[in-house]
PDB file of N, CA and C in Angstrom:
ATOM      1  N   MET A   1       2.091 -11.680 -27.541  1.00  0.00           N
ATOM      2  CA  MET A   1       2.685 -12.358 -27.177  1.00  0.00           C
ATOM      3  C   MET A   1       4.398 -11.378 -26.809  1.00  0.00           C
ATOM      4  N   SER A   2       4.666 -10.992 -26.012  1.00  0.00           N
ATOM      5  CA  SER A   2       6.454 -10.766 -26.071  1.00  0.00           C
ATOM      6  C   SER A   2       7.284 -11.563 -26.283  1.00  0.00           C
ATOM      7  N   SER A   3       8.543 -11.595 -26.269  1.00  0.00           N
ATOM      8  CA  SER A   3       8.925 -13.411 -26.466  1.00  0.00           C
ATOM      9  C   SER A   3       9.766 -13.814 -25.432  1.00  0.00           C
ATOM     10  N   LEU A   4       9.239 -12.613 -24.197  1.00  0.00           N
ATOM     11  CA  LEU A   4       9.612 -13.567 -22.714  1.00  0.00           C
ATOM     12  C   LEU A   4       8.380 -14.039 -22.533  1.00  0.00           C
ATOM     13  N   GLU A   5       7.010 -13.829 -22.195  1.00  0.00           N
ATOM     14  CA  GLU A   5       5.793 -14.420 -22.397  1.00  0.00           C
ATOM     15  C   GLU A   5       5.885 -15.612 -23.495  1.00  0.00           C
ATOM     16  N   THR A   6       6.261 -15.856 -24.403  1.00  0.00           N
ATOM     17  CA  THR A   6       6.790 -16.968 -24.891  1.00  0.00           C
ATOM     18  C   THR A   6       7.514 -17.433 -24.566  1.00  0.00           C
ATOM     19  N   GLY A   7       8.847 -17.060 -24.329  1.00  0.00           N
ATOM     20  CA  GLY A   7       9.632 -17.935 -23.662  1.00  0.00           C
ATOM     21  C   GLY A   7       9.159 -19.146 -22.452  1.00  0.00           C
ATOM     22  N   MET A   8       8.546 -17.967 -21.516  1.00  0.00           N
ATOM     23  CA  MET A   8       8.229 -18.835 -19.862  1.00  0.00           C
ATOM     24  C   MET A   8       6.882 -19.492 -20.224  1.00  0.00           C
ATOM     25  N   SER A   9       5.998 -19.022 -21.409  1.00  0.00           N
ATOM     26  CA  SER A   9       4.952 -20.018 -21.802  1.00  0.00           C
ATOM     27  C   SER A   9       5.773 -21.575 -22.269  1.00  0.00           C
ATOM     28  N   SER A  10       6.583 -21.422 -23.048  1.00  0.00           N
ATOM     29  CA  SER A  10       7.307 -22.742 -22.961  1.00  0.00           C
ATOM     30  C   SER A  10       8.103 -23.273 -22.050  1.00  0.00           C
ATOM     31  N   LEU A  11       8.857 -22.817 -21.370  1.00  0.00           N
ATOM     32  CA  LEU A  11       8.941 -23.680 -19.953  1.00  0.00           C
ATOM     33  C   LEU A  11       8.182 -23.694 -19.485  1.00  0.00           C
ATOM     34  N   ALA A  12       7.114 -23.497 -19.200  1.00  0.00           N
ATOM     35  CA  ALA A  12       5.764 -23.934 -18.414  1.00  0.00           C
ATOM     36  C   ALA A  12       5.358 -25.480 -18.997  1.00  0.00           C
ATOM     37  N   ALA A  13       5.221 -24.903 -20.271  1.00  0.00           N
ATOM     38  CA  ALA A  13       4.715 -26.311 -20.649  1.00  0.00           C
ATOM     39  C   ALA A  13       5.317 -27.410 -20.445  1.00  0.00           C
ATOM     40  N   ALA A  14       6.978 -27.537 -20.768  1.00  0.00           N
ATOM     41  CA  ALA A  14       8.041 -28.092 -20.858  1.00  0.00           C
ATOM     42  C   ALA A  14       7.648 -28.668 -19.130  1.00  0.00           C
ATOM     43  N   ALA A  15       7.250 -28.047 -18.522  1.00  0.00           N
ATOM     44  CA  ALA A  15       7.658 -28.451 -16.618  1.00  0.00           C
ATOM     45  C   ALA A  15       6.172 -29.303 -16.686  1.00  0.00           C
ATOM     46  N   ALA A  16       4.830 -29.382 -17.461  1.00  0.00           N
ATOM     47  CA  ALA A  16       4.008 -30.023 -17.670  1.00  0.00           C
ATOM     48  C   ALA A  16       4.128 -31.402 -18.167  1.00  0.00           C
ATOM     49  N   GLY A  17       4.783 -31.143 -18.885  1.00  0.00           N
ATOM     50  CA  GLY A  17       5.216 -32.404 -19.659  1.00  0.00           C
ATOM     51  C   GLY A  17       5.022 -33.666 -18.759  1.00  0.00           C
ATOM     52  N   THR A  18       5.220 -34.796 -19.498  1.00  0.00           N
ATOM     53  CA  THR A  18       5.268 -36.236 -19.093  1.00  0.00           C
ATOM     54  C   THR A  18       5.924 -37.068 -19.520  1.00  0.00           C
ATOM     55  N   SER A  19       6.461 -38.319 -19.346  1.00  0.00           N
ATOM     56  CA  SER A  19       6.739 -39.179 -20.209  1.00  0.00           C
ATOM     57  C   SER A  19       5.953 -40.164 -21.027  1.00  0.00           C
ATOM     58  N   SER A  20       6.673 -40.505 -22.074  1.00  0.00           N
ATOM     59  CA  SER A  20       5.493 -41.616 -23.058  1.00  0.00           C
ATOM     60  C   SER A  20       5.865 -43.012 -22.195  1.00  0.00           C
ATOM     61  N   PRO A  21       4.179 -43.409 -21.985  1.00  0.00           N
ATOM     62  CA  PRO A  21       4.201 -45.190 -21.132  1.00  0.00           C
ATOM     63  C   PRO A  21       5.612 -45.805 -22.244  1.00  0.00           C
ATOM     64  N   ALA A  22       5.461 -45.728 -23.161  1.00  0.00           N
ATOM     65  CA  ALA A  22       5.714 -46.233 -24.064  1.00  0.00           C
ATOM     66  C   ALA A  22       7.643 -46.350 -23.847  1.00  0.00           C
ATOM     67  N   THR A  23       8.218 -45.240 -23.251  1.00  0.00           N
ATOM     68  CA  THR A  23       9.443 -45.177 -22.804  1.00  0.00           C
ATOM     69  C   THR A  23      10.298 -46.371 -21.725  1.00  0.00           C
ATOM     70  N   GLU A  24      10.823 -46.726 -22.255  1.00  0.00           N
ATOM     71  CA  GLU A  24      11.487 -47.555 -21.295  1.00  0.00           C
ATOM     72  C   GLU A  24      12.298 -46.810 -20.286  1.00  0.00           C
ATOM     73  N   GLU A  25      12.092 -47.409 -19.036  1.00  0.00           N
ATOM     74  CA  GLU A  25      12.891 -46.565 -17.419  1.00  0.00           C
ATOM     75  C   GLU A  25      13.906 -47.558 -17.772  1.00  0.00           C
ATOM     76  N   ARG A  26      15.021 -46.970 -17.794  1.00  0.00           N
ATOM     77  CA  ARG A  26      16.152 -47.135 -17.617  1.00  0.00           C
ATOM     78  C   ARG A  26      17.107 -46.302 -16.071  1.00  0.00           C
ATOM     79  N   ARG A  27      16.459 -45.612 -15.281  1.00  0.00           N
ATOM     80  CA  ARG A  27      17.198 -45.130 -13.559  1.00  0.00           C
ATOM     81  C   ARG A  27      16.898 -45.906 -12.810  1.00  0.00           C
ATOM     82  N   ARG A  28      18.475 -45.600 -12.536  1.00  0.00           N
ATOM     83  CA  ARG A  28      18.168 -46.987 -11.106  1.00  0.00           C
ATOM     84  C   ARG A  28      17.243 -46.320 -10.304  1.00  0.00           C
ATOM     85  N   THR A  29      17.326 -44.855  -9.970  1.00  0.00           N
ATOM     86  CA  THR A  29      16.739 -44.442  -9.271  1.00  0.00           C
ATOM     87  C   THR A  29      15.460 -43.697  -9.948  1.00  0.00           C
ATOM     88  N   PRO A  30      14.748 -43.273  -8.644  1.00  0.00           N
ATOM     89  CA  PRO A  30      13.291 -42.983  -9.510  1.00  0.00           C
ATOM     90  C   PRO A  30      13.050 -41.100  -9.926  1.00  0.00           C
ATOM     91  N   ARG A  31      12.723 -41.078 -11.023  1.00  0.00           N
ATOM     92  CA  ARG A  31      13.123 -39.128 -11.118  1.00  0.00           C
ATOM     93  C   ARG A  31      11.282 -39.002 -10.581  1.00  0.00           C
ATOM     94  N   HIS A  32      11.648 -37.565 -10.161  1.00  0.00           N
ATOM     95  CA  HIS A  32      10.320 -36.368  -9.460  1.00  0.00           C
ATOM     96  C   HIS A  32      10.491 -35.296 -10.597  1.00  0.00           C
ATOM     97  N   ARG A  33       9.167 -34.703 -10.638  1.00  0.00           N
ATOM     98  CA  ARG A  33       9.322 -33.334 -11.747  1.00  0.00           C
ATOM     99  C   ARG A  33       9.814 -32.925 -10.888  1.00  0.00           C
ATOM    100  N   LEU A  34       9.983 -31.699 -11.312  1.00  0.00           N
ATOM    101  CA  LEU A  34      10.836 -30.700 -10.557  1.00  0.00           C
ATOM    102  C   LEU A  34      10.446 -29.335 -10.917  1.00  0.00           C
ATOM    103  N   GLY A  35       9.973 -28.847 -12.359  1.00  0.00           N
ATOM    104  CA  GLY A  35       9.590 -27.411 -12.460  1.00  0.00           C
ATOM    105  C   GLY A  35      10.189 -26.055 -11.996  1.00  0.00           C
ATOM    106  N   ARG A  36      11.731 -26.286 -12.007  1.00  0.00           N
ATOM    107  CA  ARG A  36      12.689 -25.075 -11.300  1.00  0.00           C
ATOM    108  C   ARG A  36      13.264 -24.735 -11.942  1.00  0.00           C
ATOM    109  N   LEU A  37      13.904 -23.525 -11.714  1.00  0.00           N
ATOM    110  CA  LEU A  37      15.336 -22.843 -12.186  1.00  0.00           C
ATOM    111  C   LEU A  37      16.263 -23.265 -11.417  1.00  0.00           C
ATOM    112  N   ALA A  38      17.231 -23.491 -12.229  1.00  0.00           N
ATOM    113  CA  ALA A  38      18.559 -23.294 -11.574  1.00  0.00           C
ATOM    114  C   ALA A  38      19.384 -22.509 -12.625  1.00  0.00           C
ATOM    115  N   THR A  39      20.700 -22.713 -11.742  1.00  0.00           N
ATOM    116  CA  THR A  39      22.039 -21.751 -12.613  1.00  0.00           C
ATOM    117  C   THR A  39      22.615 -22.622 -13.362  1.00  0.00           C
ATOM    118  N   ILE A  40      22.673 -22.654 -14.723  1.00  0.00           N
ATOM    119  CA  ILE A  40      24.544 -23.408 -15.409  1.00  0.00           C
ATOM    120  C   ILE A  40      25.044 -22.526 -15.843  1.00  0.00           C
ATOM    121  N   LYS A  41      26.259 -23.351 -15.007  1.00  0.00           N
ATOM    122  CA  LYS A  41      27.704 -22.636 -15.524  1.00  0.00           C
ATOM    123  C   LYS A  41      28.495 -23.185 -17.047  1.00  0.00           C
ATOM    124  N   LEU A  42      28.868 -22.612 -17.142  1.00  0.00           N
ATOM    125  CA  LEU A  42      29.331 -23.493 -18.942  1.00  0.00           C
ATOM    126  C   LEU A  42      30.852 -23.394 -18.904  1.00  0.00           C
ATOM    127  N   GLY A  43      31.083 -22.888 -18.064  1.00  0.00           N
ATOM    128  CA  GLY A  43      33.262 -22.671 -18.380  1.00  0.00           C
ATOM    129  C   GLY A  43      33.505 -21.221 -17.802  1.00  0.00           C
ATOM    130  N   ILE A  44      34.321 -21.047 -17.674  1.00  0.00           N
ATOM    131  CA  ILE A  44      35.085 -20.125 -16.901  1.00  0.00           C
ATOM    132  C   ILE A  44      35.021 -19.095 -18.104  1.00  0.00           C
ATOM    133  N   GLY A  45      34.616 -17.874 -17.527  1.00  0.00           N
ATOM    134  CA  GLY A  45      34.744 -16.940 -18.451  1.00  0.00           C
ATOM    135  C   GLY A  45      33.261 -16.413 -19.279  1.00  0.00           C
ATOM    136  N   MET A  46      32.738 -17.669 -18.268  1.00  0.00           N
ATOM    137  CA  MET A  46      30.953 -17.546 -20.011  1.00  0.00           C
ATOM    138  C   MET A  46      30.192 -17.250 -18.321  1.00  0.00           C
ATOM    139  N   GLU A  47      29.103 -16.497 -19.348  1.00  0.00           N
ATOM    140  CA  GLU A  47      27.748 -16.182 -18.168  1.00  0.00           C
ATOM    141  C   GLU A  47      27.186 -16.596 -17.305  1.00  0.00           C
ATOM    142  N   PRO A  48      26.674 -16.944 -16.136  1.00  0.00           N
ATOM    143  CA  PRO A  48      26.181 -18.403 -16.219  1.00  0.00           C
ATOM    144  C   PRO A  48      24.280 -17.971 -16.564  1.00  0.00           C
ATOM    145  N   ARG A  49      23.923 -19.058 -16.471  1.00  0.00           N
ATOM    146  CA  ARG A  49      22.270 -18.972 -17.428  1.00  0.00           C
ATOM    147  C   ARG A  49      21.349 -19.480 -16.654  1.00  0.00           C
ATOM    148  N   TYR A  50      20.490 -19.268 -16.835  1.00  0.00           N
ATOM    149  CA  TYR A  50      18.977 -20.340 -16.002  1.00  0.00           C
ATOM    150  C   TYR A  50      18.763 -20.910 -17.231  1.00  0.00           C
ATOM    151  N   VAL A  51      18.534 -22.511 -16.573  1.00  0.00           N
ATOM    152  CA  VAL A  51      17.941 -23.763 -17.420  1.00  0.00           C
ATOM    153  C   VAL A  51      16.546 -23.783 -15.927  1.00  0.00           C
ATOM    154  N   LEU A  52      15.441 -24.546 -16.928  1.00  0.00           N
ATOM    155  CA  LEU A  52      14.135 -25.066 -16.206  1.00  0.00           C
ATOM    156  C   LEU A  52      14.909 -26.472 -16.311  1.00  0.00           C
ATOM    157  N   VAL A  53      15.052 -27.237 -15.008  1.00  0.00           N
ATOM    158  CA  VAL A  53      14.924 -28.217 -14.571  1.00  0.00           C
ATOM    159  C   VAL A  53      13.399 -28.970 -14.262  1.00  0.00           C
ATOM    160  N   THR A  54      12.963 -30.467 -15.227  1.00  0.00           N
ATOM    161  CA  THR A  54      12.027 -30.525 -15.512  1.00  0.00           C
ATOM    162  C   THR A  54      11.817 -31.550 -14.368  1.00  0.00           C
ATOM    163  N   ASN A  55      12.901 -32.747 -14.335  1.00  0.00           N
ATOM    164  CA  ASN A  55      12.578 -33.869 -13.916  1.00  0.00           C
ATOM    165  C   ASN A  55      14.074 -33.720 -12.962  1.00  0.00           C
ATOM    166  N   ALA A  56      13.940 -34.777 -11.606  1.00  0.00           N
ATOM    167  CA  ALA A  56      15.339 -34.766 -11.073  1.00  0.00           C
ATOM    168  C   ALA A  56      15.351 -35.784 -10.459  1.00  0.00           C
ATOM    169  N   SER A  57      16.400 -36.574 -10.005  1.00  0.00           N
ATOM    170  CA  SER A  57      16.560 -38.057  -9.227  1.00  0.00           C
ATOM    171  C   SER A  57      17.966 -37.708  -8.919  1.00  0.00           C
ATOM    172  N   ALA A  58      18.122 -38.963  -7.914  1.00  0.00           N
ATOM    173  CA  ALA A  58      19.471 -38.997  -7.302  1.00  0.00           C
ATOM    174  C   ALA A  58      20.523 -38.835  -8.043  1.00  0.00           C
ATOM    175  N   GLU A  59      20.855 -39.470  -9.021  1.00  0.00           N
ATOM    176  CA  GLU A  59      21.565 -40.069  -9.957  1.00  0.00           C
ATOM    177  C   GLU A  59      21.772 -38.545 -11.465  1.00  0.00           C
ATOM    178  N   GLY A  60      20.497 -37.541 -11.273  1.00  0.00           N
ATOM    179  CA  GLY A  60      20.815 -37.048 -12.519  1.00  0.00           C
ATOM    180  C   GLY A  60      19.328 -35.749 -13.015  1.00  0.00           C
ATOM    181  N   VAL A  61      19.479 -35.307 -13.896  1.00  0.00           N
ATOM    182  CA  VAL A  61      18.578 -34.119 -14.650  1.00  0.00           C
ATOM    183  C   VAL A  61      18.084 -34.202 -15.630  1.00  0.00           C
ATOM    184  N   ARG A  62      16.536 -34.059 -15.640  1.00  0.00           N
ATOM    185  CA  ARG A  62      16.512 -33.499 -17.206  1.00  0.00           C
ATOM    186  C   ARG A  62      16.284 -32.083 -17.173  1.00  0.00           C
ATOM    187  N   LEU A  63      16.815 -31.445 -18.311  1.00  0.00           N
ATOM    188  CA  LEU A  63      16.594 -29.836 -18.541  1.00  0.00           C
ATOM    189  C   LEU A  63      16.073 -29.267 -19.677  1.00  0.00           C
ATOM    190  N   GLN A  64      15.620 -28.411 -19.862  1.00  0.00           N
ATOM    191  CA  GLN A  64      14.905 -27.621 -20.775  1.00  0.00           C
ATOM    192  C   GLN A  64      15.932 -26.449 -20.905  1.00  0.00           C
ATOM    193  N   LEU A  65      16.730 -26.191 -22.175  1.00  0.00           N
ATOM    194  CA  LEU A  65      17.842 -25.227 -21.977  1.00  0.00           C
ATOM    195  C   LEU A  65      17.342 -23.706 -22.681  1.00  0.00           C
ATOM    196  N   ASN A  66      16.228 -23.552 -23.705  1.00  0.00           N
ATOM    197  CA  ASN A  66      15.808 -22.620 -24.432  1.00  0.00           C
ATOM    198  C   ASN A  66      17.118 -21.905 -24.719  1.00  0.00           C
ATOM    199  N   GLY A  67      17.983 -22.478 -26.003  1.00  0.00           N
ATOM    200  CA  GLY A  67      18.654 -21.887 -26.416  1.00  0.00           C
ATOM    201  C   GLY A  67      19.989 -21.785 -26.072  1.00  0.00           C
ATOM    202  N   ILE A  68      19.939 -22.723 -25.367  1.00  0.00           N
ATOM    203  CA  ILE A  68      22.015 -22.485 -24.561  1.00  0.00           C
ATOM    204  C   ILE A  68      22.382 -23.827 -25.354  1.00  0.00           C
ATOM    205  N   GLU A  69      23.724 -23.805 -25.729  1.00  0.00           N
ATOM    206  CA  GLU A  69      24.372 -24.928 -26.553  1.00  0.00           C
ATOM    207  C   GLU A  69      25.193 -25.625 -25.328  1.00  0.00           C
ATOM    208  N   PRO A  70      24.793 -27.054 -24.799  1.00  0.00           N
ATOM    209  CA  PRO A  70      25.486 -27.306 -23.693  1.00  0.00           C
ATOM    210  C   PRO A  70      26.931 -28.065 -24.423  1.00  0.00           C
ATOM    211  N   ARG A  71      27.708 -27.734 -22.792  1.00  0.00           N
ATOM    212  CA  ARG A  71      28.911 -28.646 -22.951  1.00  0.00           C
ATOM    213  C   ARG A  71      28.792 -29.925 -22.371  1.00  0.00           C
ATOM    214  N   ASP A  72      29.826 -30.443 -22.809  1.00  0.00           N
ATOM    215  CA  ASP A  72      29.673 -32.121 -22.329  1.00  0.00           C
ATOM    216  C   ASP A  72      29.811 -31.951 -20.617  1.00  0.00           C
ATOM    217  N   GLU A  73      30.132 -31.038 -19.883  1.00  0.00           N
ATOM    218  CA  GLU A  73      30.347 -31.272 -18.696  1.00  0.00           C
ATOM    219  C   GLU A  73      29.950 -29.844 -18.393  1.00  0.00           C
ATOM    220  N   PHE A  74      28.961 -29.581 -17.139  1.00  0.00           N
ATOM    221  CA  PHE A  74      28.636 -28.282 -16.746  1.00  0.00           C
ATOM    222  C   PHE A  74      28.653 -28.239 -15.501  1.00  0.00           C
ATOM    223  N   VAL A  75      28.505 -27.080 -14.574  1.00  0.00           N
ATOM    224  CA  VAL A  75      27.994 -26.632 -12.922  1.00  0.00           C
ATOM    225  C   VAL A  75      26.557 -26.099 -13.105  1.00  0.00           C
ATOM    226  N   LEU A  76      25.791 -27.256 -11.987  1.00  0.00           N
ATOM    227  CA  LEU A  76      23.891 -26.878 -11.937  1.00  0.00           C
ATOM    228  C   LEU A  76      24.292 -26.338 -10.313  1.00  0.00           C
ATOM    229  N   LEU A  77      23.325 -25.055 -10.066  1.00  0.00           N
ATOM    230  CA  LEU A  77      23.108 -24.351  -9.131  1.00  0.00           C
ATOM    231  C   LEU A  77      21.868 -24.802  -8.825  1.00  0.00           C
ATOM    232  N   PHE A  78      21.765 -24.954  -7.326  1.00  0.00           N
ATOM    233  CA  PHE A  78      20.051 -24.741  -7.231  1.00  0.00           C
ATOM    234  C   PHE A  78      19.159 -23.876  -6.433  1.00  0.00           C
ATOM    235  N   HIS A  79      20.401 -23.545  -5.830  1.00  0.00           N
ATOM    236  CA  HIS A  79      19.988 -22.473  -4.930  1.00  0.00           C
ATOM    237  C   HIS A  79      19.254 -22.477  -4.019  1.00  0.00           C
ATOM    238  N   GLY A  80      18.883 -23.595  -3.363  1.00  0.00           N
ATOM    239  CA  GLY A  80      18.059 -23.935  -2.410  1.00  0.00           C
ATOM    240  C   GLY A  80      17.128 -25.556  -2.391  1.00  0.00           C
ATOM    241  N   ASN A  81      16.169 -25.616  -2.142  1.00  0.00           N
ATOM    242  CA  ASN A  81      15.536 -26.465  -2.377  1.00  0.00           C
ATOM    243  C   ASN A  81      15.318 -27.574  -4.147  1.00  0.00           C
ATOM    244  N   GLY A  82      16.663 -27.990  -4.310  1.00  0.00           N
ATOM    245  CA  GLY A  82      16.245 -29.007  -5.500  1.00  0.00           C
ATOM    246  C   GLY A  82      15.870 -30.180  -5.291  1.00  0.00           C
ATOM    247  N   GLY A  83      15.032 -30.625  -4.172  1.00  0.00           N
ATOM    248  CA  GLY A  83      14.609 -32.082  -4.179  1.00  0.00           C
ATOM    249  C   GLY A  83      15.772 -32.634  -3.944  1.00  0.00           C
ATOM    250  N   GLU A  84      15.930 -33.945  -4.969  1.00  0.00           N
ATOM    251  CA  GLU A  84      17.122 -35.311  -5.020  1.00  0.00           C
ATOM    252  C   GLU A  84      18.236 -34.633  -5.934  1.00  0.00           C
ATOM    253  N   ALA A  85      17.690 -33.366  -6.514  1.00  0.00           N
ATOM    254  CA  ALA A  85      18.957 -32.850  -7.577  1.00  0.00           C
ATOM    255  C   ALA A  85      19.702 -31.808  -6.301  1.00  0.00           C
ATOM    256  N   ARG A  86      21.150 -32.037  -6.742  1.00  0.00           N
ATOM    257  CA  ARG A  86      22.161 -31.206  -5.812  1.00  0.00           C
ATOM    258  C   ARG A  86      22.897 -30.542  -6.820  1.00  0.00           C
ATOM    259  N   ASP A  87      23.505 -29.332  -5.823  1.00  0.00           N
ATOM    260  CA  ASP A  87      24.983 -28.451  -6.747  1.00  0.00           C
ATOM    261  C   ASP A  87      26.051 -29.825  -6.944  1.00  0.00           C
ATOM    262  N   GLY A  88      26.859 -28.913  -8.481  1.00  0.00           N
ATOM    263  CA  GLY A  88      27.738 -30.394  -8.671  1.00  0.00           C
ATOM    264  C   GLY A  88      27.936 -29.943 -10.277  1.00  0.00           C
ATOM    265  N   THR A  89      28.812 -30.561 -10.717  1.00  0.00           N
ATOM    266  CA  THR A  89      28.907 -30.872 -11.812  1.00  0.00           C
ATOM    267  C   THR A  89      27.875 -31.825 -13.014  1.00  0.00           C
ATOM    268  N   TYR A  90      28.035 -31.903 -13.950  1.00  0.00           N
ATOM    269  CA  TYR A  90      27.062 -32.957 -14.140  1.00  0.00           C
ATOM    270  C   TYR A  90      27.588 -33.260 -15.818  1.00  0.00           C
ATOM    271  N   LYS A  91      27.405 -34.660 -16.401  1.00  0.00           N
ATOM    272  CA  LYS A  91      28.063 -34.926 -17.570  1.00  0.00           C
ATOM    273  C   LYS A  91      26.579 -35.096 -18.886  1.00  0.00           C
ATOM    274  N   LEU A  92      26.944 -34.350 -19.252  1.00  0.00           N
ATOM    275  CA  LEU A  92      26.038 -34.946 -20.840  1.00  0.00           C
ATOM    276  C   LEU A  92      25.495 -35.898 -20.952  1.00  0.00           C
ATOM    277  N   ILE A  93      24.649 -36.457 -21.136  1.00  0.00           N
ATOM    278  CA  ILE A  93      24.462 -37.806 -21.237  1.00  0.00           C
ATOM    279  C   ILE A  93      23.203 -37.910 -22.900  1.00  0.00           C
ATOM    280  N   TRP A  94      22.130 -37.113 -22.899  1.00  0.00           N
ATOM    281  CA  TRP A  94      21.802 -37.491 -24.345  1.00  0.00           C
ATOM    282  C   TRP A  94      20.878 -35.921 -24.329  1.00  0.00           C
ATOM    283  N   ARG A  95      20.622 -35.643 -25.750  1.00  0.00           N
ATOM    284  CA  ARG A  95      19.875 -34.838 -26.058  1.00  0.00           C
ATOM    285  C   ARG A  95      18.942 -34.389 -26.727  1.00  0.00           C
ATOM    286  N   HIS A  96      17.802 -34.197 -26.993  1.00  0.00           N
ATOM    287  CA  HIS A  96      16.633 -33.974 -28.094  1.00  0.00           C
ATOM    288  C   HIS A  96      15.929 -32.675 -27.734  1.00  0.00           C
ATOM    289  N   GLY A  97      16.366 -31.966 -29.452  1.00  0.00           N
ATOM    290  CA  GLY A  97      15.832 -31.104 -28.926  1.00  0.00           C
ATOM    291  C   GLY A  97      16.984 -29.499 -28.187  1.00  0.00           C
ATOM    292  N   GLN A  98      15.838 -29.307 -27.553  1.00  0.00           N
ATOM    293  CA  GLN A  98      15.895 -28.258 -26.262  1.00  0.00           C
ATOM    294  C   GLN A  98      16.219 -28.864 -25.149  1.00  0.00           C
ATOM    295  N   ASP A  99      15.805 -30.137 -24.970  1.00  0.00           N
ATOM    296  CA  ASP A  99      15.964 -31.075 -23.827  1.00  0.00           C
ATOM    297  C   ASP A  99      17.133 -31.996 -23.659  1.00  0.00           C
ATOM    298  N   ILE A 100      17.477 -32.271 -22.432  1.00  0.00           N
ATOM    299  CA  ILE A 100      18.850 -33.147 -22.216  1.00  0.00           C
ATOM    300  C   ILE A 100      18.598 -33.690 -21.284  1.00  0.00           C
ATOM    301  N   GLY A 101      19.375 -34.723 -20.900  1.00  0.00           N
ATOM    302  CA  GLY A 101      19.327 -35.381 -19.649  1.00  0.00           C
ATOM    303  C   GLY A 101      20.799 -35.438 -18.931  1.00  0.00           C
ATOM    304  N   ALA A 102      21.104 -35.007 -17.951  1.00  0.00           N
ATOM    305  CA  ALA A 102      22.744 -35.162 -17.786  1.00  0.00           C
ATOM    306  C   ALA A 102      22.841 -35.901 -15.934  1.00  0.00           C
ATOM    307  N   LYS A 103      23.817 -36.671 -16.338  1.00  0.00           N
ATOM    308  CA  LYS A 103      23.981 -37.817 -15.051  1.00  0.00           C
ATOM    309  C   LYS A 103      25.100 -36.811 -14.309  1.00  0.00           C
ATOM    310  N   TYR A 104      24.945 -36.802 -12.780  1.00  0.00           N
ATOM    311  CA  TYR A 104      25.671 -35.654 -11.779  1.00  0.00           C
ATOM    312  C   TYR A 104      27.195 -36.953 -11.851  1.00  0.00           C
ATOM    313  N   VAL A 105      27.349 -36.268 -11.732  1.00  0.00           N
ATOM    314  CA  VAL A 105      28.896 -36.528 -11.266  1.00  0.00           C
ATOM    315  C   VAL A 105      30.238 -36.372 -10.112  1.00  0.00           C
ATOM    316  N   SER A 106      29.949 -34.894  -9.416  1.00  0.00           N
ATOM    317  CA  SER A 106      30.763 -34.853  -8.124  1.00  0.00           C
ATOM    318  C   SER A 106      29.837 -33.556  -7.703  1.00  0.00           C
ATOM    319  N   ASP A 107      30.235 -33.190  -6.314  1.00  0.00           N
ATOM    320  CA  ASP A 107      29.827 -32.178  -5.817  1.00  0.00           C
ATOM    321  C   ASP A 107      30.710 -30.495  -6.176  1.00  0.00           C
ATOM    322  N   VAL A 108      31.770 -30.691  -7.042  1.00  0.00           N
ATOM    323  CA  VAL A 108      32.498 -29.652  -7.138  1.00  0.00           C
ATOM    324  C   VAL A 108      31.685 -28.641  -8.031  1.00  0.00           C
ATOM    325  N   THR A 109      31.784 -27.701  -7.502  1.00  0.00           N
ATOM    326  CA  THR A 109      30.871 -26.638  -8.592  1.00  0.00           C
ATOM    327  C   THR A 109      31.546 -25.709  -8.907  1.00  0.00           C
ATOM    328  N   GLN A 110      32.997 -25.785  -9.488  1.00  0.00           N
ATOM    329  CA  GLN A 110      33.996 -25.143 -10.041  1.00  0.00           C
ATOM    330  C   GLN A 110      34.090 -25.257 -11.539  1.00  0.00           C
ATOM    331  N   ASN A 111      33.687 -24.324 -12.786  1.00  0.00           N
ATOM    332  CA  ASN A 111      33.773 -25.126 -14.143  1.00  0.00           C
ATOM    333  C   ASN A 111      34.947 -25.782 -14.075  1.00  0.00           C
ATOM    334  N   VAL A 112      34.578 -27.145 -14.643  1.00  0.00           N
ATOM    335  CA  VAL A 112      36.104 -27.773 -15.022  1.00  0.00           C
ATOM    336  C   VAL A 112      36.177 -27.583 -15.999  1.00  0.00           C
TER     337      VAL A 112
END
């Protein structure tokens, strides 16, 4: 299996994942499975990259980074139907391995 196929398999597996019933829900708005790619812009002069958005709500997103090192704030672009998720600036809230949770901050799509 090529590294591209391996990467795609891991992204698909992450999109199919579910939360543990023992995990306490702390969100004010419900999250929805999304399983689609978005563009992450980490800073001026840095190439945009693709990330897998596994869950989204009106307040934030859960992303699988697949080797990308996140910044405290970054821009996400959904290129159309992102559901409740929207283009804008997001703030890193938590990290667990290659998964992160980020809160929507503003509709600014220029890097901070």
